[in-house]
């Protein structure tokens, strides 16, 4: 399992207001936008902005970060061997395959790869 990087998850009330701030903060990159389960998402540099219904955001706030890996299947195996509980996945998502894992210390992370 190889970790390629991490993305900070930020829940915002108004995505349209937040995007210009984070685009400038991240060095002028343009937001990549998508929607999932009623939540509007904008990926900008190392930030993943999310806006949507309060009940959906309540769940999303429990995930500390999104971690990019080379292969979610391999990550699933390693996490399980280390005693993590796989909460969801692996499943396909707009960003690649992903899974949500509860670490033994209680932290929750999303792991994602770019494979089809």
Protein backbone atom coordinates (compact mmCIF):
# COMPACT_ATOMS: atom_id res chain seq x y z
CA UNK A 1 0.00 0.00 0.00
CA UNK A 2 1.41 3.36 -1.02
CA UNK A 3 -0.03 6.66 0.22
CA UNK A 4 0.25 9.34 -2.48
CA UNK A 5 -1.10 12.33 -0.54
CA UNK A 6 -4.00 13.66 1.47
CA UNK A 7 -6.86 16.05 0.86
CA UNK A 8 -8.33 18.25 3.57
CA UNK A 9 -12.11 18.04 3.76
CA UNK A 10 -13.91 21.37 4.34
CA UNK A 11 -17.68 21.63 4.81
CA UNK A 12 -18.96 25.06 3.78
CA UNK A 13 -22.36 26.74 3.86
CA UNK A 14 -21.99 28.41 0.46
CA UNK A 15 -19.84 26.65 -2.13
CA UNK A 16 -20.01 29.54 -4.61
CA UNK A 17 -18.60 31.97 -2.04
CA UNK A 18 -15.92 29.55 -0.82
CA UNK A 19 -14.54 28.50 -4.23
CA UNK A 20 -12.81 31.80 -5.17
CA UNK A 21 -11.10 31.97 -1.76
CA UNK A 22 -9.73 28.42 -2.00
CA UNK A 23 -8.78 28.78 -5.67
CA UNK A 24 -6.61 31.76 -4.77
CA UNK A 25 -5.29 30.09 -1.60
CA UNK A 26 -4.30 26.99 -3.59
CA UNK A 27 -2.35 29.04 -6.13
CA UNK A 28 -4.92 29.89 -8.75
CA UNK A 29 -6.01 26.37 -9.72
CA UNK A 30 -9.57 25.97 -10.98
CA UNK A 31 -12.09 23.97 -8.98
CA UNK A 32 -13.05 20.53 -10.28
CA UNK A 33 -16.72 20.15 -9.44
CA UNK A 34 -19.06 17.20 -9.05
CA UNK A 35 -22.14 16.21 -7.11
CA UNK A 36 -22.71 13.09 -5.06
CA UNK A 37 -25.74 12.16 -3.00
CA UNK A 38 -27.10 15.70 -2.94
CA UNK A 39 -23.76 17.17 -1.86
CA UNK A 40 -22.00 19.64 -4.14
CA UNK A 41 -18.22 19.11 -4.15
CA UNK A 42 -15.32 21.21 -5.41
CA UNK A 43 -11.76 19.84 -5.44
CA UNK A 44 -9.15 22.60 -5.38
CA UNK A 45 -5.51 21.72 -4.78
CA UNK A 46 -5.34 19.89 -1.45
CA UNK A 47 -8.85 21.02 -0.43
CA UNK A 48 -12.14 19.20 -0.94
CA UNK A 49 -15.01 21.63 -0.36
CA UNK A 50 -18.44 20.15 0.35
CA UNK A 51 -21.82 21.83 0.67
CA UNK A 52 -25.27 20.32 0.98
CA UNK A 53 -28.06 19.22 3.29
CA UNK A 54 -27.13 19.40 7.00
CA UNK A 55 -27.82 15.69 7.54
CA UNK A 56 -25.38 14.74 4.75
CA UNK A 57 -22.71 17.16 5.99
CA UNK A 58 -23.04 15.78 9.52
CA UNK A 59 -21.89 12.40 8.21
CA UNK A 60 -19.13 13.91 6.02
CA UNK A 61 -17.68 15.89 8.95
CA UNK A 62 -16.85 12.61 10.70
CA UNK A 63 -14.27 11.76 8.00
CA UNK A 64 -10.98 13.45 8.95
CA UNK A 65 -9.34 13.45 5.50
CA UNK A 66 -9.25 11.79 2.10
CA UNK A 67 -6.07 9.81 1.49
CA UNK A 68 -4.96 9.03 -2.08
CA UNK A 69 -3.50 5.54 -2.51
CA UNK A 70 -2.27 3.52 -5.47
CA UNK A 71 -4.80 0.70 -5.04
CA UNK A 72 -7.91 0.64 -2.84
CA UNK A 73 -8.09 -3.18 -2.90
CA UNK A 74 -4.57 -3.45 -1.48
CA UNK A 75 -5.39 -0.71 1.04
CA UNK A 76 -8.49 -2.66 2.13
CA UNK A 77 -6.31 -5.71 2.80
CA UNK A 78 -3.67 -3.75 4.75
CA UNK A 79 -6.22 -1.83 6.83
CA UNK A 80 -8.08 -5.04 7.72
CA UNK A 81 -4.83 -6.76 8.72
CA UNK A 82 -4.02 -3.78 10.96
CA UNK A 83 -7.36 -3.99 12.75
CA UNK A 84 -9.27 -1.20 11.00
CA UNK A 85 -13.01 -1.63 10.40
CA UNK A 86 -14.12 -1.00 6.81
CA UNK A 87 -17.28 1.09 7.10
CA UNK A 88 -18.04 1.33 3.35
CA UNK A 89 -16.55 0.17 0.07
CA UNK A 90 -14.59 -0.31 -1.92
CA UNK A 91 -16.98 1.34 -4.38
CA UNK A 92 -16.68 3.49 -7.51
CA UNK A 93 -16.89 7.27 -6.97
CA UNK A 94 -16.41 10.34 -9.20
CA UNK A 95 -12.81 10.59 -7.96
CA UNK A 96 -11.98 6.88 -8.34
CA UNK A 97 -12.61 3.80 -6.21
CA UNK A 98 -12.89 4.54 -2.52
CA UNK A 99 -13.51 3.09 0.90
CA UNK A 100 -14.18 4.50 4.35
CA UNK A 101 -12.25 3.02 7.26
CA UNK A 102 -12.54 3.38 11.02
CA UNK A 103 -9.04 3.12 12.49
CA UNK A 104 -8.53 1.36 15.85
CA UNK A 105 -7.98 4.81 17.49
CA UNK A 106 -11.46 5.95 16.38
CA UNK A 107 -10.33 8.13 13.45
CA UNK A 108 -12.30 7.83 10.21
CA UNK A 109 -10.63 8.29 6.81
CA UNK A 110 -11.62 7.96 3.19
CA UNK A 111 -9.10 6.17 0.94
CA UNK A 112 -9.33 6.72 -2.82
CA UNK A 113 -7.45 5.60 -5.92
CA UNK A 114 -7.75 6.80 -9.52
CA UNK A 115 -8.34 3.38 -11.07
CA UNK A 116 -11.47 2.77 -13.14
